[in-house]
Amino acid sequence: TSMVSALASPHIDEFDGNGSTTAFTLTQTPSANNAANFMVFVDNVYQRFGSSLAYTVNGTTLTFTSAPPSGTKNIQVIQLSQANTLNTVADGAITSAKLSFDPADDATALAIALG
């Protein structure tokens, strides 16, 4: 088998602000550390990506330029896609013994049906 990178569905992390913490660990590895990959809200207000704006991301760490206020799950981070690894099977690696049907039987049935 070989490994292929792919993108997964959006993922949401929620955090509790405490007025002093600026760094939060994401539960999924992002596919890219850029603004196009994140939607971040604090107290339902959208935050802009960038070191001179509201936050940055490096690996799995999201860092705010100033600490979000205290609140229960008042920080919501939506990753629009995350890094994902899929296994693929090499060409020619699957034989008829691995299939749940006999391709020859299906071909014969199709030939009979088509006349």
PDB file of N, CA and C in Angstrom:
ATOM      1  N   THR A   1       0.835  -1.198   0.000  1.00  0.00           N
ATOM      2  CA  THR A   1       0.000   0.000   0.000  1.00  0.00           C
ATOM      3  C   THR A   1       0.867   1.243   0.000  1.00  0.00           C
ATOM      4  N   SER A   2       0.299   2.336  -0.435  1.00  0.00           N
ATOM      5  CA  SER A   2       1.014   3.610  -0.412  1.00  0.00           C
ATOM      6  C   SER A   2       0.179   4.624   0.349  1.00  0.00           C
ATOM      7  N   MET A   3       0.809   5.700   0.780  1.00  0.00           N
ATOM      8  CA  MET A   3       0.119   6.739   1.542  1.00  0.00           C
ATOM      9  C   MET A   3      -0.157   7.926   0.621  1.00  0.00           C
ATOM     10  N   VAL A   4      -1.370   8.466   0.727  1.00  0.00           N
ATOM     11  CA  VAL A   4      -1.764   9.610  -0.081  1.00  0.00           C
ATOM     12  C   VAL A   4      -2.361  10.655   0.847  1.00  0.00           C
ATOM     13  N   SER A   5      -1.957  11.906   0.686  1.00  0.00           N
ATOM     14  CA  SER A   5      -2.541  12.976   1.494  1.00  0.00           C
ATOM     15  C   SER A   5      -3.879  13.373   0.901  1.00  0.00           C
ATOM     16  N   ALA A   6      -4.816  13.699   1.766  1.00  0.00           N
ATOM     17  CA  ALA A   6      -6.139  14.140   1.344  1.00  0.00           C
ATOM     18  C   ALA A   6      -6.648  15.130   2.379  1.00  0.00           C
ATOM     19  N   LEU A   7      -7.748  15.751   2.091  1.00  0.00           N
ATOM     20  CA  LEU A   7      -8.339  16.692   3.023  1.00  0.00           C
ATOM     21  C   LEU A   7      -9.587  16.075   3.634  1.00  0.00           C
ATOM     22  N   ALA A   8      -9.812  16.347   4.900  1.00  0.00           N
ATOM     23  CA  ALA A   8     -10.960  15.806   5.610  1.00  0.00           C
ATOM     24  C   ALA A   8     -12.016  16.899   5.781  1.00  0.00           C
ATOM     25  N   SER A   9     -13.158  16.518   6.295  1.00  0.00           N
ATOM     26  CA  SER A   9     -14.264  17.444   6.523  1.00  0.00           C
ATOM     27  C   SER A   9     -13.919  18.478   7.585  1.00  0.00           C
ATOM     28  N   PRO A  10     -14.694  19.570   7.643  1.00  0.00           N
ATOM     29  CA  PRO A  10     -14.451  20.589   8.671  1.00  0.00           C
ATOM     30  C   PRO A  10     -14.492  19.995  10.087  1.00  0.00           C
ATOM     31  N   HIS A  11     -13.745  20.629  10.969  1.00  0.00           N
ATOM     32  CA  HIS A  11     -13.651  20.167  12.356  1.00  0.00           C
ATOM     33  C   HIS A  11     -13.774  21.383  13.274  1.00  0.00           C
ATOM     34  N   ILE A  12     -14.489  21.217  14.393  1.00  0.00           N
ATOM     35  CA  ILE A  12     -14.695  22.323  15.325  1.00  0.00           C
ATOM     36  C   ILE A  12     -14.045  22.006  16.667  1.00  0.00           C
ATOM     37  N   ASP A  13     -13.250  22.957  17.151  1.00  0.00           N
ATOM     38  CA  ASP A  13     -12.716  22.911  18.513  1.00  0.00           C
ATOM     39  C   ASP A  13     -13.368  24.043  19.293  1.00  0.00           C
ATOM     40  N   GLU A  14     -13.666  23.790  20.549  1.00  0.00           N
ATOM     41  CA  GLU A  14     -14.176  24.845  21.437  1.00  0.00           C
ATOM     42  C   GLU A  14     -13.296  24.908  22.672  1.00  0.00           C
ATOM     43  N   PHE A  15     -13.002  26.120  23.101  1.00  0.00           N
ATOM     44  CA  PHE A  15     -12.126  26.327  24.247  1.00  0.00           C
ATOM     45  C   PHE A  15     -12.775  27.305  25.220  1.00  0.00           C
ATOM     46  N   ASP A  16     -12.344  27.230  26.485  1.00  0.00           N
ATOM     47  CA  ASP A  16     -12.784  28.164  27.518  1.00  0.00           C
ATOM     48  C   ASP A  16     -11.725  29.250  27.685  1.00  0.00           C
ATOM     49  N   GLY A  17     -12.115  30.492  27.443  1.00  0.00           N
ATOM     50  CA  GLY A  17     -11.203  31.595  27.692  1.00  0.00           C
ATOM     51  C   GLY A  17     -11.101  31.856  29.186  1.00  0.00           C
ATOM     52  N   ASN A  18      -9.937  32.390  29.628  1.00  0.00           N
ATOM     53  CA  ASN A  18      -9.789  32.711  31.050  1.00  0.00           C
ATOM     54  C   ASN A  18      -9.210  34.113  31.272  1.00  0.00           C
ATOM     55  N   GLY A  19      -9.095  34.875  30.186  1.00  0.00           N
ATOM     56  CA  GLY A  19      -8.580  36.232  30.303  1.00  0.00           C
ATOM     57  C   GLY A  19      -7.069  36.346  30.343  1.00  0.00           C
ATOM     58  N   SER A  20      -6.342  35.207  30.398  1.00  0.00           N
ATOM     59  CA  SER A  20      -4.877  35.277  30.429  1.00  0.00           C
ATOM     60  C   SER A  20      -4.200  34.335  29.437  1.00  0.00           C
ATOM     61  N   THR A  21      -4.824  33.225  29.094  1.00  0.00           N
ATOM     62  CA  THR A  21      -4.221  32.261  28.168  1.00  0.00           C
ATOM     63  C   THR A  21      -4.359  32.754  26.731  1.00  0.00           C
ATOM     64  N   THR A  22      -3.248  32.696  25.987  1.00  0.00           N
ATOM     65  CA  THR A  22      -3.288  33.104  24.579  1.00  0.00           C
ATOM     66  C   THR A  22      -3.087  31.938  23.620  1.00  0.00           C
ATOM     67  N   ALA A  23      -2.485  30.816  24.074  1.00  0.00           N
ATOM     68  CA  ALA A  23      -2.193  29.670  23.202  1.00  0.00           C
ATOM     69  C   ALA A  23      -3.141  28.518  23.498  1.00  0.00           C
ATOM     70  N   PHE A  24      -3.710  27.938  22.446  1.00  0.00           N
ATOM     71  CA  PHE A  24      -4.645  26.829  22.568  1.00  0.00           C
ATOM     72  C   PHE A  24      -4.226  25.731  21.592  1.00  0.00           C
ATOM     73  N   THR A  25      -4.326  24.466  22.052  1.00  0.00           N
ATOM     74  CA  THR A  25      -3.919  23.332  21.230  1.00  0.00           C
ATOM     75  C   THR A  25      -5.121  22.764  20.487  1.00  0.00           C
ATOM     76  N   LEU A  26      -5.017  22.747  19.162  1.00  0.00           N
ATOM     77  CA  LEU A  26      -6.068  22.191  18.319  1.00  0.00           C
ATOM     78  C   LEU A  26      -6.055  20.668  18.426  1.00  0.00           C
ATOM     79  N   THR A  27      -7.225  20.049  18.317  1.00  0.00           N
ATOM     80  CA  THR A  27      -7.304  18.593  18.421  1.00  0.00           C
ATOM     81  C   THR A  27      -7.045  17.890  17.102  1.00  0.00           C
ATOM     82  N   GLN A  28      -6.999  18.627  15.999  1.00  0.00           N
ATOM     83  CA  GLN A  28      -6.685  18.060  14.683  1.00  0.00           C
ATOM     84  C   GLN A  28      -5.547  18.881  14.069  1.00  0.00           C
ATOM     85  N   THR A  29      -4.685  18.219  13.331  1.00  0.00           N
ATOM     86  CA  THR A  29      -3.605  18.916  12.642  1.00  0.00           C
ATOM     87  C   THR A  29      -4.164  19.606  11.405  1.00  0.00           C
ATOM     88  N   PRO A  30      -3.968  20.915  11.286  1.00  0.00           N
ATOM     89  CA  PRO A  30      -4.492  21.612  10.117  1.00  0.00           C
ATOM     90  C   PRO A  30      -3.750  21.244   8.840  1.00  0.00           C
ATOM     91  N   SER A  31      -4.450  21.313   7.705  1.00  0.00           N
ATOM     92  CA  SER A  31      -3.796  21.040   6.421  1.00  0.00           C
ATOM     93  C   SER A  31      -2.932  22.215   5.998  1.00  0.00           C
ATOM     94  N   ALA A  32      -3.255  23.415   6.490  1.00  0.00           N
ATOM     95  CA  ALA A  32      -2.466  24.612   6.182  1.00  0.00           C
ATOM     96  C   ALA A  32      -2.660  25.623   7.299  1.00  0.00           C
ATOM     97  N   ASN A  33      -1.601  26.390   7.574  1.00  0.00           N
ATOM     98  CA  ASN A  33      -1.671  27.418   8.619  1.00  0.00           C
ATOM     99  C   ASN A  33      -1.934  28.775   7.985  1.00  0.00           C
ATOM    100  N   ASN A  34      -3.093  28.914   7.325  1.00  0.00           N
ATOM    101  CA  ASN A  34      -3.409  30.190   6.698  1.00  0.00           C
ATOM    102  C   ASN A  34      -4.871  30.567   6.940  1.00  0.00           C
ATOM    103  N   ALA A  35      -5.191  31.794   6.646  1.00  0.00           N
ATOM    104  CA  ALA A  35      -6.530  32.321   6.934  1.00  0.00           C
ATOM    105  C   ALA A  35      -7.625  31.565   6.210  1.00  0.00           C
ATOM    106  N   ALA A  36      -7.323  31.046   5.024  1.00  0.00           N
ATOM    107  CA  ALA A  36      -8.345  30.339   4.246  1.00  0.00           C
ATOM    108  C   ALA A  36      -8.783  29.032   4.892  1.00  0.00           C
ATOM    109  N   ASN A  37      -8.027  28.548   5.852  1.00  0.00           N
ATOM    110  CA  ASN A  37      -8.327  27.258   6.474  1.00  0.00           C
ATOM    111  C   ASN A  37      -9.069  27.385   7.808  1.00  0.00           C
ATOM    112  N   PHE A  38      -9.253  28.600   8.326  1.00  0.00           N
ATOM    113  CA  PHE A  38      -9.826  28.761   9.665  1.00  0.00           C
ATOM    114  C   PHE A  38     -10.937  29.801   9.702  1.00  0.00           C
ATOM    115  N   MET A  39     -11.898  29.543  10.570  1.00  0.00           N
ATOM    116  CA  MET A  39     -12.868  30.550  10.993  1.00  0.00           C
ATOM    117  C   MET A  39     -12.830  30.504  12.515  1.00  0.00           C
ATOM    118  N   VAL A  40     -12.475  31.609  13.140  1.00  0.00           N
ATOM    119  CA  VAL A  40     -12.324  31.660  14.587  1.00  0.00           C
ATOM    120  C   VAL A  40     -13.278  32.722  15.127  1.00  0.00           C
ATOM    121  N   PHE A  41     -13.994  32.339  16.190  1.00  0.00           N
ATOM    122  CA  PHE A  41     -14.939  33.246  16.828  1.00  0.00           C
ATOM    123  C   PHE A  41     -14.648  33.301  18.326  1.00  0.00           C
ATOM    124  N   VAL A  42     -14.696  34.489  18.897  1.00  0.00           N
ATOM    125  CA  VAL A  42     -14.605  34.669  20.343  1.00  0.00           C
ATOM    126  C   VAL A  42     -15.860  35.430  20.751  1.00  0.00           C
ATOM    127  N   ASP A  43     -16.635  34.827  21.654  1.00  0.00           N
ATOM    128  CA  ASP A  43     -17.921  35.410  22.061  1.00  0.00           C
ATOM    129  C   ASP A  43     -18.768  35.760  20.838  1.00  0.00           C
ATOM    130  N   ASN A  44     -18.792  34.836  19.872  1.00  0.00           N
ATOM    131  CA  ASN A  44     -19.582  34.958  18.634  1.00  0.00           C
ATOM    132  C   ASN A  44     -19.120  36.067  17.700  1.00  0.00           C
ATOM    133  N   VAL A  45     -17.920  36.596  17.895  1.00  0.00           N
ATOM    134  CA  VAL A  45     -17.381  37.639  17.023  1.00  0.00           C
ATOM    135  C   VAL A  45     -16.231  37.033  16.216  1.00  0.00           C
ATOM    136  N   TYR A  46     -16.317  37.156  14.887  1.00  0.00           N
ATOM    137  CA  TYR A  46     -15.290  36.630  13.990  1.00  0.00           C
ATOM    138  C   TYR A  46     -13.946  37.300  14.259  1.00  0.00           C
ATOM    139  N   GLN A  47     -12.868  36.492  14.259  1.00  0.00           N
ATOM    140  CA  GLN A  47     -11.512  36.984  14.495  1.00  0.00           C
ATOM    141  C   GLN A  47     -10.712  36.876  13.201  1.00  0.00           C
ATOM    142  N   ARG A  48      -9.897  37.870  12.905  1.00  0.00           N
ATOM    143  CA  ARG A  48      -9.098  37.879  11.681  1.00  0.00           C
ATOM    144  C   ARG A  48      -7.729  37.240  11.905  1.00  0.00           C
ATOM    145  N   PHE A  49      -7.295  36.458  10.915  1.00  0.00           N
ATOM    146  CA  PHE A  49      -6.025  35.747  10.950  1.00  0.00           C
ATOM    147  C   PHE A  49      -4.871  36.700  10.634  1.00  0.00           C
ATOM    148  N   GLY A  50      -3.775  36.591  11.364  1.00  0.00           N
ATOM    149  CA  GLY A  50      -2.567  37.352  11.076  1.00  0.00           C
ATOM    150  C   GLY A  50      -1.879  37.823  12.331  1.00  0.00           C
ATOM    151  N   SER A  51      -0.553  37.900  12.304  1.00  0.00           N
ATOM    152  CA  SER A  51       0.212  38.265  13.498  1.00  0.00           C
ATOM    153  C   SER A  51      -0.094  39.679  13.971  1.00  0.00           C
ATOM    154  N   SER A  52      -0.486  40.575  13.066  1.00  0.00           N
ATOM    155  CA  SER A  52      -0.844  41.930  13.491  1.00  0.00           C
ATOM    156  C   SER A  52      -2.357  42.059  13.710  1.00  0.00           C
ATOM    157  N   LEU A  53      -3.067  40.944  13.570  1.00  0.00           N
ATOM    158  CA  LEU A  53      -4.522  40.944  13.764  1.00  0.00           C
ATOM    159  C   LEU A  53      -4.859  40.130  15.018  1.00  0.00           C
ATOM    160  N   ALA A  54      -5.798  39.173  14.940  1.00  0.00           N
ATOM    161  CA  ALA A  54      -6.279  38.509  16.151  1.00  0.00           C
ATOM    162  C   ALA A  54      -5.529  37.232  16.540  1.00  0.00           C
ATOM    163  N   TYR A  55      -5.078  36.428  15.547  1.00  0.00           N
ATOM    164  CA  TYR A  55      -4.469  35.137  15.903  1.00  0.00           C
ATOM    165  C   TYR A  55      -3.581  34.625  14.777  1.00  0.00           C
ATOM    166  N   THR A  56      -2.732  33.660  15.136  1.00  0.00           N
ATOM    167  CA  THR A  56      -1.917  32.919  14.174  1.00  0.00           C
ATOM    168  C   THR A  56      -2.024  31.436  14.527  1.00  0.00           C
ATOM    169  N   VAL A  57      -1.581  30.591  13.611  1.00  0.00           N
ATOM    170  CA  VAL A  57      -1.551  29.153  13.849  1.00  0.00           C
ATOM    171  C   VAL A  57      -0.188  28.640  13.414  1.00  0.00           C
ATOM    172  N   ASN A  58       0.410  27.795  14.272  1.00  0.00           N
ATOM    173  CA  ASN A  58       1.665  27.140  13.954  1.00  0.00           C
ATOM    174  C   ASN A  58       1.533  25.691  14.384  1.00  0.00           C
ATOM    175  N   GLY A  59       1.466  24.776  13.414  1.00  0.00           N
ATOM    176  CA  GLY A  59       1.228  23.367  13.749  1.00  0.00           C
ATOM    177  C   GLY A  59      -0.154  23.228  14.349  1.00  0.00           C
ATOM    178  N   THR A  60      -0.228  22.658  15.541  1.00  0.00           N
ATOM    179  CA  THR A  60      -1.521  22.499  16.210  1.00  0.00           C
ATOM    180  C   THR A  60      -1.768  23.574  17.263  1.00  0.00           C
ATOM    181  N   THR A  61      -0.949  24.629  17.277  1.00  0.00           N
ATOM    182  CA  THR A  61      -1.112  25.686  18.278  1.00  0.00           C
ATOM    183  C   THR A  61      -1.713  26.937  17.649  1.00  0.00           C
ATOM    184  N   LEU A  62      -2.848  27.350  18.163  1.00  0.00           N
ATOM    185  CA  LEU A  62      -3.484  28.606  17.783  1.00  0.00           C
ATOM    186  C   LEU A  62      -3.133  29.617  18.862  1.00  0.00           C
ATOM    187  N   THR A  63      -2.560  30.761  18.468  1.00  0.00           N
ATOM    188  CA  THR A  63      -2.130  31.772  19.430  1.00  0.00           C
ATOM    189  C   THR A  63      -2.817  33.100  19.126  1.00  0.00           C
ATOM    190  N   PHE A  64      -3.532  33.618  20.121  1.00  0.00           N
ATOM    191  CA  PHE A  64      -4.177  34.919  20.003  1.00  0.00           C
ATOM    192  C   PHE A  64      -3.172  36.018  20.326  1.00  0.00           C
ATOM    193  N   THR A  65      -3.315  37.186  19.702  1.00  0.00           N
ATOM    194  CA  THR A  65      -2.416  38.308  19.993  1.00  0.00           C
ATOM    195  C   THR A  65      -2.715  38.899  21.361  1.00  0.00           C
ATOM    196  N   SER A  66      -3.950  38.723  21.854  1.00  0.00           N
ATOM    197  CA  SER A  66      -4.285  39.076  23.240  1.00  0.00           C
ATOM    198  C   SER A  66      -5.248  38.018  23.752  1.00  0.00           C
ATOM    199  N   ALA A  67      -5.207  37.780  25.045  1.00  0.00           N
ATOM    200  CA  ALA A  67      -5.993  36.698  25.643  1.00  0.00           C
ATOM    201  C   ALA A  67      -7.491  36.943  25.491  1.00  0.00           C
ATOM    202  N   PRO A  68      -8.217  35.921  25.040  1.00  0.00           N
ATOM    203  CA  PRO A  68      -9.678  36.038  24.993  1.00  0.00           C
ATOM    204  C   PRO A  68     -10.250  36.160  26.407  1.00  0.00           C
ATOM    205  N   PRO A  69     -11.412  36.800  26.554  1.00  0.00           N
ATOM    206  CA  PRO A  69     -12.016  36.964  27.874  1.00  0.00           C
ATOM    207  C   PRO A  69     -12.470  35.632  28.468  1.00  0.00           C
ATOM    208  N   SER A  70     -12.756  35.640  29.740  1.00  0.00           N
ATOM    209  CA  SER A  70     -13.243  34.440  30.424  1.00  0.00           C
ATOM    210  C   SER A  70     -14.612  34.058  29.904  1.00  0.00           C
ATOM    211  N   GLY A  71     -14.819  32.755  29.789  1.00  0.00           N
ATOM    212  CA  GLY A  71     -16.110  32.247  29.346  1.00  0.00           C
ATOM    213  C   GLY A  71     -16.041  30.755  29.105  1.00  0.00           C
ATOM    214  N   THR A  72     -17.174  30.101  29.189  1.00  0.00           N
ATOM    215  CA  THR A  72     -17.260  28.665  28.937  1.00  0.00           C
ATOM    216  C   THR A  72     -17.523  28.445  27.456  1.00  0.00           C
ATOM    217  N   LYS A  73     -16.595  27.754  26.810  1.00  0.00           N
ATOM    218  CA  LYS A  73     -16.677  27.480  25.370  1.00  0.00           C
ATOM    219  C   LYS A  73     -16.967  28.751  24.574  1.00  0.00           C
ATOM    220  N   ASN A  74     -16.343  29.849  24.972  1.00  0.00           N
ATOM    221  CA  ASN A  74     -16.554  31.115  24.273  1.00  0.00           C
ATOM    222  C   ASN A  74     -15.601  31.306  23.086  1.00  0.00           C
ATOM    223  N   ILE A  75     -14.717  30.323  22.867  1.00  0.00           N
ATOM    224  CA  ILE A  75     -13.809  30.348  21.722  1.00  0.00           C
ATOM    225  C   ILE A  75     -14.171  29.164  20.828  1.00  0.00           C
ATOM    226  N   GLN A  76     -14.476  29.456  19.577  1.00  0.00           N
ATOM    227  CA  GLN A  76     -14.809  28.393  18.632  1.00  0.00           C
ATOM    228  C   GLN A  76     -13.869  28.511  17.436  1.00  0.00           C
ATOM    229  N   VAL A  77     -13.198  27.390  17.134  1.00  0.00           N
ATOM    230  CA  VAL A  77     -12.251  27.336  16.020  1.00  0.00           C
ATOM    231  C   VAL A  77     -12.775  26.305  15.026  1.00  0.00           C
ATOM    232  N   ILE A  78     -13.054  26.762  13.822  1.00  0.00           N
ATOM    233  CA  ILE A  78     -13.522  25.864  12.772  1.00  0.00           C
ATOM    234  C   ILE A  78     -12.403  25.710  11.761  1.00  0.00           C
ATOM    235  N   GLN A  79     -11.884  24.472  11.671  1.00  0.00           N
ATOM    236  CA  GLN A  79     -10.897  24.168  10.634  1.00  0.00           C
ATOM    237  C   GLN A  79     -11.681  23.691   9.422  1.00  0.00           C
ATOM    238  N   LEU A  80     -11.515  24.358   8.308  1.00  0.00           N
ATOM    239  CA  LEU A  80     -12.270  23.993   7.124  1.00  0.00           C
ATOM    240  C   LEU A  80     -11.768  22.694   6.514  1.00  0.00           C
ATOM    241  N   SER A  81     -10.519  22.339   6.765  1.00  0.00           N
ATOM    242  CA  SER A  81      -9.988  21.033   6.385  1.00  0.00           C
ATOM    243  C   SER A  81      -8.764  20.744   7.236  1.00  0.00           C
ATOM    244  N   GLN A  82      -8.478  19.472   7.435  1.00  0.00           N
ATOM    245  CA  GLN A  82      -7.300  19.075   8.204  1.00  0.00           C
ATOM    246  C   GLN A  82      -6.487  18.097   7.385  1.00  0.00           C
ATOM    247  N   ALA A  83      -5.249  17.920   7.786  1.00  0.00           N
ATOM    248  CA  ALA A  83      -4.401  16.927   7.133  1.00  0.00           C
ATOM    249  C   ALA A  83      -4.959  15.545   7.422  1.00  0.00           C
ATOM    250  N   ASN A  84      -4.934  14.704   6.447  1.00  0.00           N
ATOM    251  CA  ASN A  84      -5.464  13.357   6.587  1.00  0.00           C
ATOM    252  C   ASN A  84      -4.608  12.448   5.714  1.00  0.00           C
ATOM    253  N   THR A  85      -4.429  11.213   6.112  1.00  0.00           N
ATOM    254  CA  THR A  85      -3.658  10.265   5.327  1.00  0.00           C
ATOM    255  C   THR A  85      -4.541   9.086   4.964  1.00  0.00           C
ATOM    256  N   LEU A  86      -4.563   8.768   3.699  1.00  0.00           N
ATOM    257  CA  LEU A  86      -5.350   7.636   3.220  1.00  0.00           C
ATOM    258  C   LEU A  86      -4.416   6.557   2.694  1.00  0.00           C
ATOM    259  N   ASN A  87      -4.786   5.316   2.915  1.00  0.00           N
ATOM    260  CA  ASN A  87      -4.027   4.209   2.349  1.00  0.00           C
ATOM    261  C   ASN A  87      -4.622   3.882   0.986  1.00  0.00           C
ATOM    262  N   THR A  88      -3.782   3.613   0.020  1.00  0.00           N
ATOM    263  CA  THR A  88      -4.249   3.173  -1.284  1.00  0.00           C
ATOM    264  C   THR A  88      -3.619   1.822  -1.587  1.00  0.00           C
ATOM    265  N   VAL A  89      -4.283   1.060  -2.403  1.00  0.00           N
ATOM    266  CA  VAL A  89      -3.811  -0.265  -2.770  1.00  0.00           C
ATOM    267  C   VAL A  89      -3.106  -0.156  -4.115  1.00  0.00           C
ATOM    268  N   ALA A  90      -1.976  -0.798  -4.237  1.00  0.00           N
ATOM    269  CA  ALA A  90      -1.204  -0.764  -5.476  1.00  0.00           C
ATOM    270  C   ALA A  90      -1.980  -1.412  -6.612  1.00  0.00           C
ATOM    271  N   ASP A  91      -1.778  -0.901  -7.813  1.00  0.00           N
ATOM    272  CA  ASP A  91      -2.410  -1.486  -8.997  1.00  0.00           C
ATOM    273  C   ASP A  91      -2.064  -2.964  -9.094  1.00  0.00           C
ATOM    274  N   GLY A  92      -3.061  -3.785  -9.421  1.00  0.00           N
ATOM    275  CA  GLY A  92      -2.848  -5.218  -9.599  1.00  0.00           C
ATOM    276  C   GLY A  92      -2.741  -6.004  -8.308  1.00  0.00           C
ATOM    277  N   ALA A  93      -2.918  -5.347  -7.151  1.00  0.00           N
ATOM    278  CA  ALA A  93      -2.745  -6.037  -5.876  1.00  0.00           C
ATOM    279  C   ALA A  93      -3.992  -6.806  -5.441  1.00  0.00           C
ATOM    280  N   ILE A  94      -5.149  -6.519  -6.019  1.00  0.00           N
ATOM    281  CA  ILE A  94      -6.381  -7.204  -5.642  1.00  0.00           C
ATOM    282  C   ILE A  94      -6.677  -8.279  -6.679  1.00  0.00           C
ATOM    283  N   THR A  95      -6.808  -9.516  -6.208  1.00  0.00           N
ATOM    284  CA  THR A  95      -7.105 -10.643  -7.097  1.00  0.00           C
ATOM    285  C   THR A  95      -8.571 -11.024  -6.951  1.00  0.00           C
ATOM    286  N   SER A  96      -9.074 -11.860  -7.856  1.00  0.00           N
ATOM    287  CA  SER A  96     -10.471 -12.287  -7.787  1.00  0.00           C
ATOM    288  C   SER A  96     -10.762 -13.049  -6.500  1.00  0.00           C
ATOM    289  N   ALA A  97      -9.746 -13.666  -5.882  1.00  0.00           N
ATOM    290  CA  ALA A  97      -9.939 -14.381  -4.612  1.00  0.00           C
ATOM    291  C   ALA A  97     -10.326 -13.418  -3.494  1.00  0.00           C
ATOM    292  N   LYS A  98      -9.949 -12.136  -3.618  1.00  0.00           N
ATOM    293  CA  LYS A  98     -10.257 -11.136  -2.595  1.00  0.00           C
ATOM    294  C   LYS A  98     -11.619 -10.486  -2.797  1.00  0.00           C
ATOM    295  N   LEU A  99     -12.276 -10.756  -3.908  1.00  0.00           N
ATOM    296  CA  LEU A  99     -13.566 -10.146  -4.206  1.00  0.00           C
ATOM    297  C   LEU A  99     -14.699 -11.016  -3.689  1.00  0.00           C
ATOM    298  N   SER A 100     -15.842 -10.393  -3.389  1.00  0.00           N
ATOM    299  CA  SER A 100     -16.984 -11.144  -2.864  1.00  0.00           C
ATOM    300  C   SER A 100     -17.854 -11.686  -3.992  1.00  0.00           C
ATOM    301  N   PHE A 101     -17.397 -11.574  -5.225  1.00  0.00           N
ATOM    302  CA  PHE A 101     -18.115 -12.109  -6.375  1.00  0.00           C
ATOM    303  C   PHE A 101     -17.090 -12.607  -7.381  1.00  0.00           C
ATOM    304  N   ASP A 102     -17.541 -13.409  -8.317  1.00  0.00           N
ATOM    305  CA  ASP A 102     -16.655 -13.901  -9.360  1.00  0.00           C
ATOM    306  C   ASP A 102     -16.880 -13.054 -10.602  1.00  0.00           C
ATOM    307  N   PRO A 103     -15.899 -12.261 -10.999  1.00  0.00           N
ATOM    308  CA  PRO A 103     -16.076 -11.402 -12.163  1.00  0.00           C
ATOM    309  C   PRO A 103     -16.474 -12.178 -13.418  1.00  0.00           C
ATOM    310  N   ALA A 104     -15.987 -13.404 -13.558  1.00  0.00           N
ATOM    311  CA  ALA A 104     -16.332 -14.217 -14.738  1.00  0.00           C
ATOM    312  C   ALA A 104     -17.820 -14.534 -14.747  1.00  0.00           C
ATOM    313  N   ASP A 105     -18.400 -14.849 -13.568  1.00  0.00           N
ATOM    314  CA  ASP A 105     -19.841 -15.127 -13.486  1.00  0.00           C
ATOM    315  C   ASP A 105     -20.645 -13.896 -13.870  1.00  0.00           C
ATOM    316  N   ASP A 106     -20.238 -12.729 -13.405  1.00  0.00           N
ATOM    317  CA  ASP A 106     -20.946 -11.498 -13.720  1.00  0.00           C
ATOM    318  C   ASP A 106     -20.853 -11.196 -15.220  1.00  0.00           C
ATOM    319  N   ALA A 107     -19.689 -11.431 -15.816  1.00  0.00           N
ATOM    320  CA  ALA A 107     -19.517 -11.186 -17.248  1.00  0.00           C
ATOM    321  C   ALA A 107     -20.404 -12.141 -18.048  1.00  0.00           C
ATOM    322  N   THR A 108     -20.484 -13.402 -17.605  1.00  0.00           N
ATOM    323  CA  THR A 108     -21.328 -14.390 -18.291  1.00  0.00           C
ATOM    324  C   THR A 108     -22.794 -13.993 -18.172  1.00  0.00           C
ATOM    325  N   ALA A 109     -23.223 -13.588 -16.970  1.00  0.00           N
ATOM    326  CA  ALA A 109     -24.616 -13.176 -16.767  1.00  0.00           C
ATOM    327  C   ALA A 109     -24.953 -11.974 -17.627  1.00  0.00           C
ATOM    328  N   LEU A 110     -24.042 -11.043 -17.754  1.00  0.00           N
ATOM    329  CA  LEU A 110     -24.267  -9.858 -18.572  1.00  0.00           C
ATOM    330  C   LEU A 110     -24.373 -10.249 -20.061  1.00  0.00           C
ATOM    331  N   ALA A 111     -23.506 -11.137 -20.495  1.00  0.00           N
ATOM    332  CA  ALA A 111     -23.543 -11.583 -21.895  1.00  0.00           C
ATOM    333  C   ALA A 111     -24.863 -12.269 -22.209  1.00  0.00           C
ATOM    334  N   ILE A 112     -25.377 -13.101 -21.296  1.00  0.00           N
ATOM    335  CA  ILE A 112     -26.647 -13.798 -21.494  1.00  0.00           C
ATOM    336  C   ILE A 112     -27.794 -12.772 -21.524  1.00  0.00           C
ATOM    337  N   ALA A 113     -27.747 -11.803 -20.614  1.00  0.00           N
ATOM    338  CA  ALA A 113     -28.804 -10.803 -20.544  1.00  0.00           C
ATOM    339  C   ALA A 113     -28.841  -9.936 -21.799  1.00  0.00           C
ATOM    340  N   LEU A 114     -27.677  -9.618 -22.350  1.00  0.00           N
ATOM    341  CA  LEU A 114     -27.625  -8.765 -23.522  1.00  0.00           C
ATOM    342  C   LEU A 114     -27.876  -9.547 -24.824  1.00  0.00           C
ATOM    343  N   GLY A 115     -27.845 -10.887 -24.717  1.00  0.00           N
ATOM    344  CA  GLY A 115     -28.127 -11.712 -25.881  1.00  0.00           C
ATOM    345  C   GLY A 115     -26.920 -11.895 -26.680  1.00  0.00           C
TER     346      GLY A 115
END
